[in-house]
N, C-alpha and C. Protein backbone atom coordinates (compact mmCIF):
# COMPACT_ATOMS: atom_id res chain seq x y z
N MET A 1 0.85 -1.18 0.00
CA MET A 1 0.00 0.00 0.00
C MET A 1 0.89 1.23 0.00
N ASN A 2 0.57 2.19 -0.83
CA ASN A 2 1.31 3.43 -0.94
C ASN A 2 0.98 4.34 0.24
N ARG A 3 2.02 4.83 0.93
CA ARG A 3 1.81 5.69 2.10
C ARG A 3 1.02 6.94 1.74
N ARG A 4 1.17 7.43 0.54
CA ARG A 4 0.48 8.66 0.15
C ARG A 4 -0.99 8.41 -0.17
N ARG A 5 -1.41 7.14 -0.18
CA ARG A 5 -2.80 6.82 -0.49
C ARG A 5 -3.58 6.45 0.75
N LEU A 6 -3.05 6.78 1.90
CA LEU A 6 -3.78 6.49 3.14
C LEU A 6 -4.91 7.49 3.29
N PHE A 7 -6.02 6.99 3.71
CA PHE A 7 -7.19 7.85 3.87
C PHE A 7 -7.65 7.82 5.32
N ALA A 8 -7.90 8.97 5.89
CA ALA A 8 -8.47 9.04 7.23
C ALA A 8 -9.68 9.95 7.16
N ILE A 9 -10.81 9.46 7.62
CA ILE A 9 -12.02 10.27 7.61
C ILE A 9 -12.65 10.25 8.99
N ALA A 10 -13.20 11.35 9.38
CA ALA A 10 -13.88 11.41 10.68
C ALA A 10 -15.32 10.98 10.48
N LEU A 11 -15.78 10.06 11.30
CA LEU A 11 -17.15 9.54 11.22
C LEU A 11 -17.88 9.91 12.50
N ARG A 12 -19.15 10.11 12.38
CA ARG A 12 -19.97 10.32 13.57
C ARG A 12 -20.56 8.98 13.98
N GLY A 13 -20.32 8.57 15.20
CA GLY A 13 -20.83 7.30 15.71
C GLY A 13 -22.02 7.52 16.62
N ARG A 14 -22.47 6.42 17.23
CA ARG A 14 -23.57 6.51 18.19
C ARG A 14 -23.18 7.40 19.34
N ARG A 15 -24.16 8.07 19.93
CA ARG A 15 -23.95 8.97 21.05
C ARG A 15 -22.97 10.09 20.73
N HIS A 16 -22.85 10.45 19.49
CA HIS A 16 -22.03 11.56 19.03
C HIS A 16 -20.55 11.38 19.32
N ARG A 17 -20.09 10.15 19.47
CA ARG A 17 -18.66 9.91 19.61
C ARG A 17 -18.02 10.06 18.24
N ARG A 18 -16.83 10.62 18.23
CA ARG A 18 -16.12 10.78 16.96
C ARG A 18 -15.14 9.63 16.78
N HIS A 19 -15.16 9.04 15.62
CA HIS A 19 -14.27 7.94 15.26
C HIS A 19 -13.40 8.41 14.10
N THR A 20 -12.17 7.95 14.06
CA THR A 20 -11.30 8.19 12.92
C THR A 20 -11.05 6.85 12.27
N ALA A 21 -11.41 6.71 11.01
CA ALA A 21 -11.23 5.46 10.27
C ALA A 21 -9.98 5.56 9.42
N VAL A 22 -9.12 4.55 9.54
CA VAL A 22 -7.85 4.54 8.80
C VAL A 22 -7.77 3.24 8.00
N ASP A 23 -7.38 3.35 6.74
CA ASP A 23 -7.15 2.17 5.90
C ASP A 23 -5.86 1.52 6.39
N SER A 24 -5.98 0.30 6.95
CA SER A 24 -4.81 -0.38 7.49
C SER A 24 -4.29 -1.47 6.56
N GLY A 25 -4.65 -1.41 5.29
CA GLY A 25 -4.14 -2.34 4.28
C GLY A 25 -4.94 -3.62 4.18
N ALA A 26 -4.84 -4.27 3.05
CA ALA A 26 -5.50 -5.56 2.78
C ALA A 26 -7.01 -5.50 3.02
N GLY A 27 -7.62 -4.36 2.72
CA GLY A 27 -9.06 -4.23 2.87
C GLY A 27 -9.53 -4.13 4.30
N ARG A 28 -8.62 -3.86 5.22
CA ARG A 28 -8.97 -3.77 6.65
C ARG A 28 -9.02 -2.30 7.09
N THR A 29 -9.91 -2.03 8.01
CA THR A 29 -10.07 -0.69 8.56
C THR A 29 -9.77 -0.73 10.05
N CYS A 30 -9.16 0.33 10.55
CA CYS A 30 -8.94 0.47 11.98
C CYS A 30 -9.61 1.76 12.42
N LEU A 31 -10.43 1.69 13.46
CA LEU A 31 -11.10 2.85 14.03
C LEU A 31 -10.38 3.29 15.29
N TYR A 32 -10.16 4.59 15.42
CA TYR A 32 -9.59 5.17 16.64
C TYR A 32 -10.63 6.10 17.23
N PHE A 33 -10.82 6.03 18.55
CA PHE A 33 -11.83 6.85 19.22
C PHE A 33 -11.50 6.91 20.69
N ARG A 34 -12.24 7.74 21.42
CA ARG A 34 -12.10 7.84 22.87
C ARG A 34 -13.16 6.98 23.54
N GLU A 35 -12.76 6.26 24.58
CA GLU A 35 -13.71 5.47 25.34
C GLU A 35 -14.50 6.41 26.26
N ALA A 36 -15.81 6.26 26.24
CA ALA A 36 -16.67 7.07 27.11
C ALA A 36 -16.30 6.81 28.56
N GLY A 37 -16.27 7.84 29.35
CA GLY A 37 -15.96 7.71 30.77
C GLY A 37 -14.49 7.86 31.08
N THR A 38 -13.62 7.05 30.48
CA THR A 38 -12.18 7.12 30.77
C THR A 38 -11.45 8.12 29.89
N GLN A 39 -12.00 8.40 28.72
CA GLN A 39 -11.40 9.29 27.72
C GLN A 39 -10.09 8.75 27.13
N GLN A 40 -9.76 7.48 27.41
CA GLN A 40 -8.55 6.92 26.81
C GLN A 40 -8.77 6.65 25.33
N VAL A 41 -7.69 6.66 24.57
CA VAL A 41 -7.74 6.37 23.14
C VAL A 41 -7.88 4.86 22.96
N MET A 42 -8.78 4.47 22.06
CA MET A 42 -9.05 3.06 21.78
C MET A 42 -8.81 2.78 20.29
N ALA A 43 -8.41 1.54 19.99
CA ALA A 43 -8.26 1.08 18.60
C ALA A 43 -9.19 -0.12 18.40
N TYR A 44 -9.84 -0.15 17.25
CA TYR A 44 -10.80 -1.21 16.94
C TYR A 44 -10.54 -1.60 15.49
N ARG A 45 -9.77 -2.69 15.26
CA ARG A 45 -9.33 -3.07 13.92
C ARG A 45 -10.04 -4.31 13.42
N ARG A 46 -10.51 -4.21 12.19
CA ARG A 46 -11.21 -5.33 11.55
C ARG A 46 -10.24 -6.49 11.36
N HIS A 47 -10.73 -7.72 11.60
CA HIS A 47 -9.93 -8.93 11.39
C HIS A 47 -9.75 -9.18 9.90
N ALA A 48 -8.74 -9.99 9.56
CA ALA A 48 -8.46 -10.32 8.16
C ALA A 48 -9.64 -11.02 7.49
N ASP A 49 -10.47 -11.76 8.27
CA ASP A 49 -11.61 -12.47 7.69
C ASP A 49 -12.85 -11.58 7.55
N GLY A 50 -12.70 -10.28 7.89
CA GLY A 50 -13.80 -9.33 7.72
C GLY A 50 -14.63 -9.09 8.96
N ARG A 51 -14.48 -9.93 9.99
CA ARG A 51 -15.23 -9.73 11.23
C ARG A 51 -14.59 -8.63 12.06
N TRP A 52 -15.39 -8.02 12.93
CA TRP A 52 -14.89 -7.03 13.87
C TRP A 52 -14.68 -7.69 15.22
N PRO A 53 -13.67 -7.26 15.99
CA PRO A 53 -13.45 -7.86 17.31
C PRO A 53 -14.58 -7.51 18.26
N GLY A 54 -14.65 -8.23 19.38
CA GLY A 54 -15.71 -7.97 20.36
C GLY A 54 -15.56 -6.65 21.06
N SER A 55 -14.33 -6.16 21.21
CA SER A 55 -14.12 -4.87 21.85
C SER A 55 -12.82 -4.26 21.33
N GLY A 56 -12.65 -2.97 21.64
CA GLY A 56 -11.45 -2.27 21.21
C GLY A 56 -10.29 -2.49 22.18
N ALA A 57 -9.10 -2.10 21.75
CA ALA A 57 -7.90 -2.19 22.58
C ALA A 57 -7.59 -0.82 23.15
N GLY A 58 -7.37 -0.74 24.45
CA GLY A 58 -7.04 0.53 25.09
C GLY A 58 -5.60 0.93 24.79
N LEU A 59 -5.40 2.20 24.40
CA LEU A 59 -4.08 2.70 24.07
C LEU A 59 -3.59 3.79 25.02
N GLY A 60 -4.36 4.12 26.05
CA GLY A 60 -3.95 5.18 26.98
C GLY A 60 -4.15 6.55 26.36
N GLY A 61 -3.24 7.47 26.62
CA GLY A 61 -3.27 8.74 25.92
C GLY A 61 -3.53 9.99 26.72
N HIS A 62 -3.34 10.01 28.04
CA HIS A 62 -3.44 11.24 28.84
C HIS A 62 -4.83 11.86 28.87
N GLY A 63 -5.90 11.11 28.70
CA GLY A 63 -7.24 11.69 28.74
C GLY A 63 -7.44 12.70 27.62
N GLY A 64 -8.36 13.64 27.83
CA GLY A 64 -8.56 14.69 26.85
C GLY A 64 -9.94 14.69 26.24
N THR A 65 -10.09 15.50 25.20
CA THR A 65 -11.37 15.64 24.51
C THR A 65 -11.16 15.68 23.01
N GLY A 66 -12.23 15.42 22.28
CA GLY A 66 -12.21 15.56 20.83
C GLY A 66 -11.73 14.32 20.10
N ALA A 67 -11.70 14.45 18.80
CA ALA A 67 -11.34 13.34 17.92
C ALA A 67 -9.84 13.04 17.99
N VAL A 68 -9.48 11.82 17.61
CA VAL A 68 -8.10 11.37 17.54
C VAL A 68 -7.68 11.40 16.07
N ALA A 69 -6.57 12.07 15.77
CA ALA A 69 -6.02 12.05 14.40
C ALA A 69 -5.13 10.81 14.30
N ALA A 70 -5.18 10.12 13.17
CA ALA A 70 -4.40 8.89 13.01
C ALA A 70 -3.94 8.70 11.57
N LEU A 71 -2.74 8.16 11.43
CA LEU A 71 -2.19 7.72 10.15
C LEU A 71 -1.62 6.33 10.36
N TRP A 72 -1.85 5.45 9.41
CA TRP A 72 -1.34 4.10 9.52
C TRP A 72 0.16 4.08 9.24
N ALA A 73 0.90 3.33 10.03
CA ALA A 73 2.33 3.12 9.81
C ALA A 73 2.50 1.76 9.15
N LEU A 74 3.11 1.73 7.99
CA LEU A 74 3.27 0.48 7.25
C LEU A 74 4.02 -0.56 8.08
N GLU A 75 3.60 -1.80 7.94
CA GLU A 75 4.22 -2.94 8.59
C GLU A 75 4.16 -2.87 10.12
N ARG A 76 3.18 -2.15 10.65
CA ARG A 76 3.01 -2.03 12.09
C ARG A 76 1.58 -2.42 12.46
N GLY A 77 1.31 -2.55 13.73
CA GLY A 77 -0.02 -2.89 14.19
C GLY A 77 -0.81 -1.66 14.60
N ALA A 78 -2.02 -1.88 15.07
CA ALA A 78 -2.92 -0.78 15.44
C ALA A 78 -2.36 0.07 16.57
N ARG A 79 -1.54 -0.53 17.43
CA ARG A 79 -0.96 0.22 18.54
C ARG A 79 0.25 1.05 18.11
N GLU A 80 0.75 0.84 16.92
CA GLU A 80 1.94 1.55 16.46
C GLU A 80 1.64 2.56 15.36
N ALA A 81 0.41 2.99 15.27
CA ALA A 81 0.05 4.02 14.27
C ALA A 81 0.58 5.38 14.74
N PHE A 82 0.58 6.36 13.84
CA PHE A 82 0.88 7.74 14.20
C PHE A 82 -0.43 8.31 14.76
N LEU A 83 -0.42 8.73 16.01
CA LEU A 83 -1.63 9.20 16.67
C LEU A 83 -1.42 10.58 17.28
N ALA A 84 -2.46 11.40 17.27
CA ALA A 84 -2.40 12.72 17.90
C ALA A 84 -3.79 13.08 18.41
N HIS A 85 -3.83 13.76 19.56
CA HIS A 85 -5.11 14.21 20.10
C HIS A 85 -4.89 15.36 21.08
N ARG A 86 -5.97 15.95 21.50
CA ARG A 86 -5.93 17.03 22.48
C ARG A 86 -6.01 16.39 23.86
N GLY A 87 -4.95 16.56 24.66
CA GLY A 87 -4.88 15.96 25.98
C GLY A 87 -5.73 16.71 27.00
N SER A 88 -5.76 16.18 28.22
CA SER A 88 -6.60 16.75 29.27
C SER A 88 -6.18 18.17 29.66
N ARG A 89 -4.96 18.58 29.34
CA ARG A 89 -4.51 19.95 29.64
C ARG A 89 -4.63 20.86 28.41
N GLY A 90 -5.29 20.37 27.34
CA GLY A 90 -5.51 21.18 26.15
C GLY A 90 -4.31 21.28 25.24
N ARG A 91 -3.31 20.44 25.47
CA ARG A 91 -2.08 20.46 24.66
C ARG A 91 -2.03 19.24 23.74
N LEU A 92 -1.17 19.31 22.72
CA LEU A 92 -1.01 18.20 21.78
C LEU A 92 -0.35 17.01 22.47
N VAL A 93 -0.95 15.83 22.27
CA VAL A 93 -0.37 14.58 22.75
C VAL A 93 -0.22 13.68 21.53
N THR A 94 1.01 13.19 21.29
CA THR A 94 1.28 12.35 20.12
C THR A 94 1.89 11.02 20.54
N SER A 95 1.70 10.03 19.68
CA SER A 95 2.39 8.75 19.81
C SER A 95 2.89 8.37 18.42
N MET A 96 4.19 8.11 18.34
CA MET A 96 4.83 7.76 17.08
C MET A 96 5.41 6.35 17.21
N PRO A 97 5.42 5.56 16.13
CA PRO A 97 6.02 4.23 16.21
C PRO A 97 7.51 4.31 16.58
N ASP A 98 7.99 3.32 17.31
CA ASP A 98 9.41 3.24 17.65
C ASP A 98 10.19 2.80 16.42
N ARG A 99 11.48 3.17 16.36
CA ARG A 99 12.33 2.73 15.24
C ARG A 99 12.40 1.20 15.16
N ASP A 100 12.46 0.57 16.31
CA ASP A 100 12.57 -0.87 16.41
C ASP A 100 11.19 -1.52 16.28
N LYS A 101 10.98 -2.31 15.25
CA LYS A 101 9.67 -2.95 15.02
C LYS A 101 9.29 -3.90 16.15
N ASP A 102 10.28 -4.36 16.92
CA ASP A 102 9.99 -5.27 18.03
C ASP A 102 9.46 -4.55 19.26
N VAL A 103 9.55 -3.22 19.27
CA VAL A 103 9.02 -2.43 20.39
C VAL A 103 7.61 -2.00 20.00
N SER A 104 6.61 -2.58 20.66
CA SER A 104 5.23 -2.27 20.29
C SER A 104 4.58 -1.39 21.35
N GLY A 105 3.41 -0.93 21.03
CA GLY A 105 2.65 -0.11 21.96
C GLY A 105 2.76 1.37 21.64
N THR A 106 1.99 2.14 22.39
CA THR A 106 1.99 3.59 22.20
C THR A 106 3.04 4.22 23.09
N HIS A 107 3.56 5.34 22.63
CA HIS A 107 4.60 6.10 23.34
C HIS A 107 4.14 7.55 23.35
N TRP A 108 3.31 7.91 24.32
CA TRP A 108 2.66 9.23 24.34
C TRP A 108 3.59 10.32 24.84
N HIS A 109 3.56 11.49 24.15
CA HIS A 109 4.34 12.66 24.53
C HIS A 109 3.46 13.90 24.37
N GLU A 110 3.46 14.75 25.38
CA GLU A 110 2.69 15.99 25.35
C GLU A 110 3.64 17.14 25.01
N SER A 111 3.17 18.08 24.19
CA SER A 111 4.03 19.21 23.81
C SER A 111 3.22 20.42 23.38
N GLY A 112 3.87 21.56 23.36
CA GLY A 112 3.27 22.79 22.84
C GLY A 112 2.29 23.45 23.79
N GLY A 113 1.71 24.52 23.28
CA GLY A 113 0.74 25.27 24.05
C GLY A 113 -0.66 24.73 23.86
N MET A 114 -1.62 25.38 24.47
CA MET A 114 -3.01 24.96 24.35
C MET A 114 -3.52 25.23 22.93
N PHE A 115 -4.46 24.43 22.49
CA PHE A 115 -5.05 24.63 21.17
C PHE A 115 -6.52 24.31 21.19
N ALA A 116 -7.20 24.74 20.16
CA ALA A 116 -8.65 24.54 20.02
C ALA A 116 -8.92 23.36 19.08
N ASN A 117 -10.03 22.67 19.31
CA ASN A 117 -10.47 21.58 18.44
C ASN A 117 -9.49 20.42 18.41
N ALA A 118 -9.56 19.61 17.38
CA ALA A 118 -8.72 18.41 17.26
C ALA A 118 -7.54 18.68 16.32
N PRO A 119 -6.42 17.99 16.51
CA PRO A 119 -5.30 18.13 15.59
C PRO A 119 -5.59 17.42 14.26
N ALA A 120 -4.79 17.73 13.26
CA ALA A 120 -4.87 17.04 11.97
C ALA A 120 -3.50 16.47 11.66
N MET A 121 -3.46 15.35 10.94
CA MET A 121 -2.20 14.71 10.54
C MET A 121 -2.27 14.35 9.06
N ALA A 122 -1.11 14.40 8.42
CA ALA A 122 -1.00 14.01 7.01
C ALA A 122 0.46 13.67 6.72
N TYR A 123 0.68 12.99 5.61
CA TYR A 123 2.04 12.77 5.12
C TYR A 123 2.38 13.89 4.16
N ASP A 124 3.61 14.43 4.23
CA ASP A 124 4.03 15.43 3.26
C ASP A 124 4.56 14.72 2.01
N ALA A 125 5.07 15.48 1.04
CA ALA A 125 5.53 14.90 -0.22
C ALA A 125 6.71 13.94 -0.04
N THR A 126 7.47 14.06 1.04
CA THR A 126 8.60 13.16 1.28
C THR A 126 8.21 11.91 2.05
N GLY A 127 6.97 11.89 2.58
CA GLY A 127 6.52 10.76 3.39
C GLY A 127 6.64 11.00 4.88
N ALA A 128 7.08 12.19 5.28
CA ALA A 128 7.18 12.53 6.70
C ALA A 128 5.81 12.92 7.23
N VAL A 129 5.55 12.63 8.50
CA VAL A 129 4.29 12.98 9.14
C VAL A 129 4.30 14.47 9.51
N VAL A 130 3.17 15.14 9.26
CA VAL A 130 2.98 16.54 9.63
C VAL A 130 1.76 16.62 10.53
N VAL A 131 1.90 17.30 11.67
CA VAL A 131 0.81 17.48 12.62
C VAL A 131 0.51 18.97 12.70
N THR A 132 -0.77 19.33 12.61
CA THR A 132 -1.16 20.74 12.70
C THR A 132 -2.24 20.91 13.76
N VAL A 133 -2.20 22.06 14.42
CA VAL A 133 -3.23 22.43 15.38
C VAL A 133 -3.53 23.92 15.23
N LEU A 134 -4.72 24.30 15.62
CA LEU A 134 -5.10 25.71 15.66
C LEU A 134 -4.95 26.16 17.11
N GLY A 135 -3.98 27.04 17.34
CA GLY A 135 -3.70 27.49 18.70
C GLY A 135 -4.79 28.41 19.23
N THR A 136 -4.80 28.58 20.55
CA THR A 136 -5.75 29.50 21.15
C THR A 136 -5.43 30.94 20.77
N ASP A 137 -4.26 31.16 20.16
CA ASP A 137 -3.89 32.49 19.65
C ASP A 137 -4.46 32.72 18.24
N GLY A 138 -5.20 31.73 17.70
CA GLY A 138 -5.80 31.85 16.38
C GLY A 138 -4.84 31.54 15.23
N ARG A 139 -3.62 31.10 15.54
CA ARG A 139 -2.62 30.79 14.51
C ARG A 139 -2.49 29.29 14.30
N LEU A 140 -2.13 28.92 13.09
CA LEU A 140 -1.88 27.52 12.77
C LEU A 140 -0.47 27.17 13.25
N HIS A 141 -0.34 26.09 13.99
CA HIS A 141 0.95 25.63 14.50
C HIS A 141 1.22 24.26 13.89
N VAL A 142 2.46 24.05 13.43
CA VAL A 142 2.82 22.85 12.66
C VAL A 142 4.08 22.21 13.25
N ARG A 143 4.05 20.88 13.31
CA ARG A 143 5.26 20.10 13.63
C ARG A 143 5.42 19.06 12.52
N ARG A 144 6.64 18.88 12.06
CA ARG A 144 6.93 17.94 10.97
C ARG A 144 7.97 16.93 11.47
N GLN A 145 7.79 15.69 11.10
CA GLN A 145 8.75 14.65 11.43
C GLN A 145 10.10 15.01 10.79
N LEU A 146 11.20 14.80 11.51
CA LEU A 146 12.52 15.19 11.01
C LEU A 146 12.93 14.40 9.77
N SER A 147 12.48 13.16 9.64
CA SER A 147 12.69 12.36 8.43
C SER A 147 11.51 11.43 8.28
N PRO A 148 11.28 10.87 7.09
CA PRO A 148 10.11 10.00 6.89
C PRO A 148 10.23 8.60 7.49
N ALA A 149 11.31 8.31 8.19
CA ALA A 149 11.50 6.98 8.76
C ALA A 149 10.67 6.79 10.02
N ALA A 150 10.15 5.59 10.22
CA ALA A 150 9.43 5.26 11.46
C ALA A 150 10.38 5.48 12.63
N GLY A 151 9.89 6.09 13.68
CA GLY A 151 10.72 6.36 14.84
C GLY A 151 11.39 7.72 14.82
N SER A 152 11.35 8.40 13.68
CA SER A 152 11.93 9.74 13.61
C SER A 152 11.05 10.68 14.42
N PRO A 153 11.66 11.52 15.27
CA PRO A 153 10.85 12.41 16.10
C PRO A 153 10.27 13.57 15.31
N LEU A 154 9.32 14.25 15.93
CA LEU A 154 8.78 15.47 15.35
C LEU A 154 9.76 16.60 15.60
N GLY A 155 9.89 17.50 14.63
CA GLY A 155 10.76 18.65 14.76
C GLY A 155 10.11 19.73 15.60
N PRO A 156 10.71 20.92 15.62
CA PRO A 156 10.19 22.01 16.44
C PRO A 156 8.88 22.56 15.89
N TRP A 157 8.16 23.28 16.76
CA TRP A 157 6.92 23.94 16.36
C TRP A 157 7.22 25.08 15.41
N LEU A 158 6.41 25.19 14.36
CA LEU A 158 6.46 26.32 13.43
C LEU A 158 5.10 26.99 13.45
N SER A 159 5.09 28.31 13.40
CA SER A 159 3.80 29.03 13.39
C SER A 159 3.70 29.87 12.16
């Protein structure tokens, strides 16, 4: 699957929960959303045979509000996607896949100032992840991955 052909769309679910659907390859979809009550980020990935699991997998994520932005990381699982959301303190919280494919799970990091609404994520022309937020100052704030390799950190904030 071509990294530039990944699609993420926000869906409205029952009880007005926001879900982010990501094409995870081979005709499979992975949904990312917040669990009601705990506000933790959850992943719900369709099985290879087309069935959906009985429940989602908890990914943690520092609480918070709003939708979860997600991009699929090639050759990784649902817990190793590129994820971003608004944490409980109103700041950006991200999880990026580790360089080592044998290290699984989410690796949450909080950064930057407070922002409004949900963050957005996309791949740039080089394949690096770009995260954008609308700050409470009304300006667009951007962080770009230093290189397109899995495990590469996000660079400094640009406004």
